[in-house]
């Protein structure tokens, strides 16, 4: 009986001891530096479950954080996202506009999968998206879409 309680306690407390994911760390640090709070998206947990269960276009994981009224310069936004992504994330796309918009796309291999991290700042709104996809299914979707045009 005591052993069962010990195992149950370990299972309950283990998630509390695990470090936060890179995505959570990035979102938390952006919030701290910009002073903005993450916008709650109703039923998004259900959306994440549906993506994990059905794998649309080869996607097996979806993370999303949206901030409104973020007070951060575009230059600092790029510096922050670069600093908070570890060396395993490779920058693929960087777009900066004169009117204060900034988008960065990072990639990381994860076995046969590809993890993508997209960070975007549009004046005072920021969006962070992380997905895990199967590259061949993603390319098939892109090819099908361009063929239908």
C-alpha atoms as a PDB file:
ATOM      1  CA  UNK A   1       0.000   0.000   0.000  1.00  0.00           C
ATOM      2  CA  UNK A   2       2.796   2.421   0.907  1.00  0.00           C
ATOM      3  CA  UNK A   3       4.631   1.605  -2.302  1.00  0.00           C
ATOM      4  CA  UNK A   4       1.468   2.361  -4.313  1.00  0.00           C
ATOM      5  CA  UNK A   5       1.123   5.722  -2.586  1.00  0.00           C
ATOM      6  CA  UNK A   6       4.792   6.485  -3.279  1.00  0.00           C
ATOM      7  CA  UNK A   7       4.415   5.698  -6.987  1.00  0.00           C
ATOM      8  CA  UNK A   8       1.176   7.693  -7.174  1.00  0.00           C
ATOM      9  CA  UNK A   9       2.858  10.658  -5.445  1.00  0.00           C
ATOM     10  CA  UNK A  10       5.758  10.459  -7.878  1.00  0.00           C
ATOM     11  CA  UNK A  11       3.401  10.453 -10.869  1.00  0.00           C
ATOM     12  CA  UNK A  12       1.570  13.487  -9.508  1.00  0.00           C
ATOM     13  CA  UNK A  13       4.700  15.474  -8.621  1.00  0.00           C
ATOM     14  CA  UNK A  14       6.893  14.533 -11.597  1.00  0.00           C
ATOM     15  CA  UNK A  15       5.315  17.013 -14.038  1.00  0.00           C
ATOM     16  CA  UNK A  16       6.023  19.768 -11.524  1.00  0.00           C
ATOM     17  CA  UNK A  17       9.724  18.861 -11.489  1.00  0.00           C
ATOM     18  CA  UNK A  18      10.159  18.741 -15.270  1.00  0.00           C
ATOM     19  CA  UNK A  19      11.557  21.875 -16.916  1.00  0.00           C
ATOM     20  CA  UNK A  20       9.270  24.015 -19.019  1.00  0.00           C
ATOM     21  CA  UNK A  21       9.455  23.501 -22.763  1.00  0.00           C
ATOM     22  CA  UNK A  22      11.432  25.878 -24.957  1.00  0.00           C
ATOM     23  CA  UNK A  23       8.166  27.247 -26.276  1.00  0.00           C
ATOM     24  CA  UNK A  24       6.861  27.966 -22.768  1.00  0.00           C
ATOM     25  CA  UNK A  25      10.161  29.616 -21.889  1.00  0.00           C
ATOM     26  CA  UNK A  26      10.042  31.830 -24.995  1.00  0.00           C
ATOM     27  CA  UNK A  27       6.435  32.848 -24.301  1.00  0.00           C
ATOM     28  CA  UNK A  28       7.127  33.584 -20.624  1.00  0.00           C
ATOM     29  CA  UNK A  29      10.221  35.664 -21.379  1.00  0.00           C
ATOM     30  CA  UNK A  30       8.441  37.608 -24.132  1.00  0.00           C
ATOM     31  CA  UNK A  31       5.608  38.361 -21.708  1.00  0.00           C
ATOM     32  CA  UNK A  32       8.072  39.498 -19.047  1.00  0.00           C
ATOM     33  CA  UNK A  33      10.024  41.757 -21.399  1.00  0.00           C
ATOM     34  CA  UNK A  34       7.072  43.226 -23.315  1.00  0.00           C
ATOM     35  CA  UNK A  35       4.689  43.574 -20.403  1.00  0.00           C
ATOM     36  CA  UNK A  36       1.928  41.911 -22.453  1.00  0.00           C
ATOM     37  CA  UNK A  37      -0.226  39.058 -21.238  1.00  0.00           C
ATOM     38  CA  UNK A  38      -0.992  36.023 -23.348  1.00  0.00           C
ATOM     39  CA  UNK A  39      -4.488  36.049 -24.857  1.00  0.00           C
ATOM     40  CA  UNK A  40      -6.605  33.101 -23.768  1.00  0.00           C
ATOM     41  CA  UNK A  41      -8.066  31.096 -26.658  1.00  0.00           C
ATOM     42  CA  UNK A  42     -11.209  29.186 -25.621  1.00  0.00           C
ATOM     43  CA  UNK A  43     -11.178  25.437 -26.391  1.00  0.00           C
ATOM     44  CA  UNK A  44      -7.643  25.553 -27.800  1.00  0.00           C
ATOM     45  CA  UNK A  45      -6.764  22.490 -25.717  1.00  0.00           C
ATOM     46  CA  UNK A  46      -9.379  20.607 -27.712  1.00  0.00           C
ATOM     47  CA  UNK A  47      -7.810  21.828 -30.953  1.00  0.00           C
ATOM     48  CA  UNK A  48      -4.375  20.625 -29.794  1.00  0.00           C
ATOM     49  CA  UNK A  49      -5.866  17.226 -28.947  1.00  0.00           C
ATOM     50  CA  UNK A  50      -7.545  16.983 -32.368  1.00  0.00           C
ATOM     51  CA  UNK A  51      -4.253  17.795 -34.113  1.00  0.00           C
ATOM     52  CA  UNK A  52      -2.385  15.212 -32.026  1.00  0.00           C
ATOM     53  CA  UNK A  53      -5.030  12.568 -32.777  1.00  0.00           C
ATOM     54  CA  UNK A  54      -5.695  13.197 -36.482  1.00  0.00           C
ATOM     55  CA  UNK A  55      -2.303  14.512 -37.777  1.00  0.00           C
ATOM     56  CA  UNK A  56      -3.669  16.933 -40.430  1.00  0.00           C
ATOM     57  CA  UNK A  57      -1.066  17.513 -43.169  1.00  0.00           C
ATOM     58  CA  UNK A  58       1.403  15.475 -41.101  1.00  0.00           C
ATOM     59  CA  UNK A  59       1.174  17.761 -38.074  1.00  0.00           C
ATOM     60  CA  UNK A  60       1.434  15.989 -34.727  1.00  0.00           C
ATOM     61  CA  UNK A  61       1.949  18.896 -32.339  1.00  0.00           C
ATOM     62  CA  UNK A  62       0.611  22.453 -32.253  1.00  0.00           C
ATOM     63  CA  UNK A  63       1.469  25.216 -29.788  1.00  0.00           C
ATOM     64  CA  UNK A  64       0.163  28.782 -30.098  1.00  0.00           C
ATOM     65  CA  UNK A  65       0.541  31.949 -28.052  1.00  0.00           C
ATOM     66  CA  UNK A  66      -0.969  35.300 -29.006  1.00  0.00           C
ATOM     67  CA  UNK A  67      -0.252  38.633 -27.352  1.00  0.00           C
ATOM     68  CA  UNK A  68      -2.114  41.883 -27.893  1.00  0.00           C
ATOM     69  CA  UNK A  69      -0.723  45.301 -26.972  1.00  0.00           C
ATOM     70  CA  UNK A  70       2.866  44.106 -26.707  1.00  0.00           C
ATOM     71  CA  UNK A  71       5.228  46.991 -26.149  1.00  0.00           C
ATOM     72  CA  UNK A  72       8.445  45.869 -27.845  1.00  0.00           C
ATOM     73  CA  UNK A  73      10.574  47.308 -30.637  1.00  0.00           C
ATOM     74  CA  UNK A  74      10.847  45.060 -33.740  1.00  0.00           C
ATOM     75  CA  UNK A  75      14.646  45.068 -33.434  1.00  0.00           C
ATOM     76  CA  UNK A  76      14.419  43.906 -29.810  1.00  0.00           C
ATOM     77  CA  UNK A  77      11.813  41.287 -30.771  1.00  0.00           C
ATOM     78  CA  UNK A  78      14.284  39.709 -33.215  1.00  0.00           C
ATOM     79  CA  UNK A  79      17.105  39.843 -30.673  1.00  0.00           C
ATOM     80  CA  UNK A  80      14.902  38.273 -28.019  1.00  0.00           C
ATOM     81  CA  UNK A  81      13.667  35.400 -30.175  1.00  0.00           C
ATOM     82  CA  UNK A  82      17.202  34.700 -31.395  1.00  0.00           C
ATOM     83  CA  UNK A  83      18.542  34.712 -27.837  1.00  0.00           C
ATOM     84  CA  UNK A  84      15.788  32.466 -26.480  1.00  0.00           C
ATOM     85  CA  UNK A  85      16.016  29.800 -29.180  1.00  0.00           C
ATOM     86  CA  UNK A  86      18.824  27.381 -28.471  1.00  0.00           C
ATOM     87  CA  UNK A  87      21.482  26.357 -30.974  1.00  0.00           C
ATOM     88  CA  UNK A  88      19.350  23.427 -32.220  1.00  0.00           C
ATOM     89  CA  UNK A  89      16.923  25.896 -33.841  1.00  0.00           C
ATOM     90  CA  UNK A  90      18.190  27.042 -37.229  1.00  0.00           C
ATOM     91  CA  UNK A  91      16.902  30.370 -38.593  1.00  0.00           C
ATOM     92  CA  UNK A  92      15.275  29.811 -42.000  1.00  0.00           C
ATOM     93  CA  UNK A  93      13.395  33.036 -42.753  1.00  0.00           C
ATOM     94  CA  UNK A  94      13.714  36.565 -41.383  1.00  0.00           C
ATOM     95  CA  UNK A  95      11.468  39.335 -42.629  1.00  0.00           C
ATOM     96  CA  UNK A  96      11.546  42.916 -41.358  1.00  0.00           C
ATOM     97  CA  UNK A  97       9.360  45.649 -42.762  1.00  0.00           C
ATOM     98  CA  UNK A  98       9.691  49.388 -42.454  1.00  0.00           C
ATOM     99  CA  UNK A  99       6.321  49.690 -40.742  1.00  0.00           C
ATOM    100  CA  UNK A 100       7.285  47.626 -37.684  1.00  0.00           C
ATOM    101  CA  UNK A 101       6.467  44.078 -38.714  1.00  0.00           C
ATOM    102  CA  UNK A 102       8.895  41.269 -37.995  1.00  0.00           C
ATOM    103  CA  UNK A 103       8.653  37.523 -38.746  1.00  0.00           C
ATOM    104  CA  UNK A 104      11.157  34.782 -37.964  1.00  0.00           C
ATOM    105  CA  UNK A 105      10.889  31.108 -38.899  1.00  0.00           C
ATOM    106  CA  UNK A 106      13.177  28.590 -37.222  1.00  0.00           C
ATOM    107  CA  UNK A 107      13.491  24.847 -37.921  1.00  0.00           C
ATOM    108  CA  UNK A 108      14.790  21.885 -35.971  1.00  0.00           C
ATOM    109  CA  UNK A 109      14.980  18.215 -36.919  1.00  0.00           C
ATOM    110  CA  UNK A 110      13.267  15.788 -34.570  1.00  0.00           C
ATOM    111  CA  UNK A 111      13.912  12.278 -35.852  1.00  0.00           C
ATOM    112  CA  UNK A 112      11.870  11.922 -39.048  1.00  0.00           C
ATOM    113  CA  UNK A 113       9.882  15.017 -38.126  1.00  0.00           C
ATOM    114  CA  UNK A 114      10.581  18.693 -38.532  1.00  0.00           C
ATOM    115  CA  UNK A 115       9.742  21.184 -35.808  1.00  0.00           C
ATOM    116  CA  UNK A 116       8.952  24.725 -36.952  1.00  0.00           C
ATOM    117  CA  UNK A 117       8.837  27.793 -34.730  1.00  0.00           C
ATOM    118  CA  UNK A 118       7.248  30.906 -36.212  1.00  0.00           C
ATOM    119  CA  UNK A 119       7.460  34.197 -34.338  1.00  0.00           C
ATOM    120  CA  UNK A 120       5.718  37.292 -35.613  1.00  0.00           C
ATOM    121  CA  UNK A 121       5.348  40.871 -34.385  1.00  0.00           C
ATOM    122  CA  UNK A 122       2.838  43.103 -36.165  1.00  0.00           C
ATOM    123  CA  UNK A 123       3.083  46.542 -34.599  1.00  0.00           C
ATOM    124  CA  UNK A 124       1.856  45.709 -31.092  1.00  0.00           C
ATOM    125  CA  UNK A 125       0.504  42.173 -31.629  1.00  0.00           C
ATOM    126  CA  UNK A 126       2.788  39.159 -31.323  1.00  0.00           C
ATOM    127  CA  UNK A 127       2.172  35.536 -32.311  1.00  0.00           C
ATOM    128  CA  UNK A 128       4.233  32.432 -31.553  1.00  0.00           C
ATOM    129  CA  UNK A 129       3.470  29.115 -33.266  1.00  0.00           C
ATOM    130  CA  UNK A 130       5.300  25.836 -32.914  1.00  0.00           C
ATOM    131  CA  UNK A 131       4.392  22.734 -34.925  1.00  0.00           C
ATOM    132  CA  UNK A 132       5.867  19.300 -35.465  1.00  0.00           C
ATOM    133  CA  UNK A 133       5.313  18.024 -39.000  1.00  0.00           C
ATOM    134  CA  UNK A 134       6.350  15.191 -41.270  1.00  0.00           C
ATOM    135  CA  UNK A 135       8.254  16.939 -44.085  1.00  0.00           C
ATOM    136  CA  UNK A 136       7.020  14.634 -46.857  1.00  0.00           C
ATOM    137  CA  UNK A 137       3.366  15.222 -45.937  1.00  0.00           C
ATOM    138  CA  UNK A 138       3.929  18.972 -45.678  1.00  0.00           C
ATOM    139  CA  UNK A 139       5.550  19.037 -49.126  1.00  0.00           C
ATOM    140  CA  UNK A 140       2.673  16.983 -50.547  1.00  0.00           C
ATOM    141  CA  UNK A 141       0.212  19.551 -49.172  1.00  0.00           C
ATOM    142  CA  UNK A 142       2.254  22.408 -50.699  1.00  0.00           C
ATOM    143  CA  UNK A 143       2.543  20.600 -54.043  1.00  0.00           C
ATOM    144  CA  UNK A 144      -1.193  19.845 -54.124  1.00  0.00           C
ATOM    145  CA  UNK A 145      -2.005  23.451 -53.291  1.00  0.00           C
ATOM    146  CA  UNK A 146       0.265  24.913 -55.971  1.00  0.00           C
ATOM    147  CA  UNK A 147      -0.951  22.405 -58.572  1.00  0.00           C
ATOM    148  CA  UNK A 148      -4.565  23.464 -58.024  1.00  0.00           C
ATOM    149  CA  UNK A 149      -3.819  27.115 -58.855  1.00  0.00           C
END
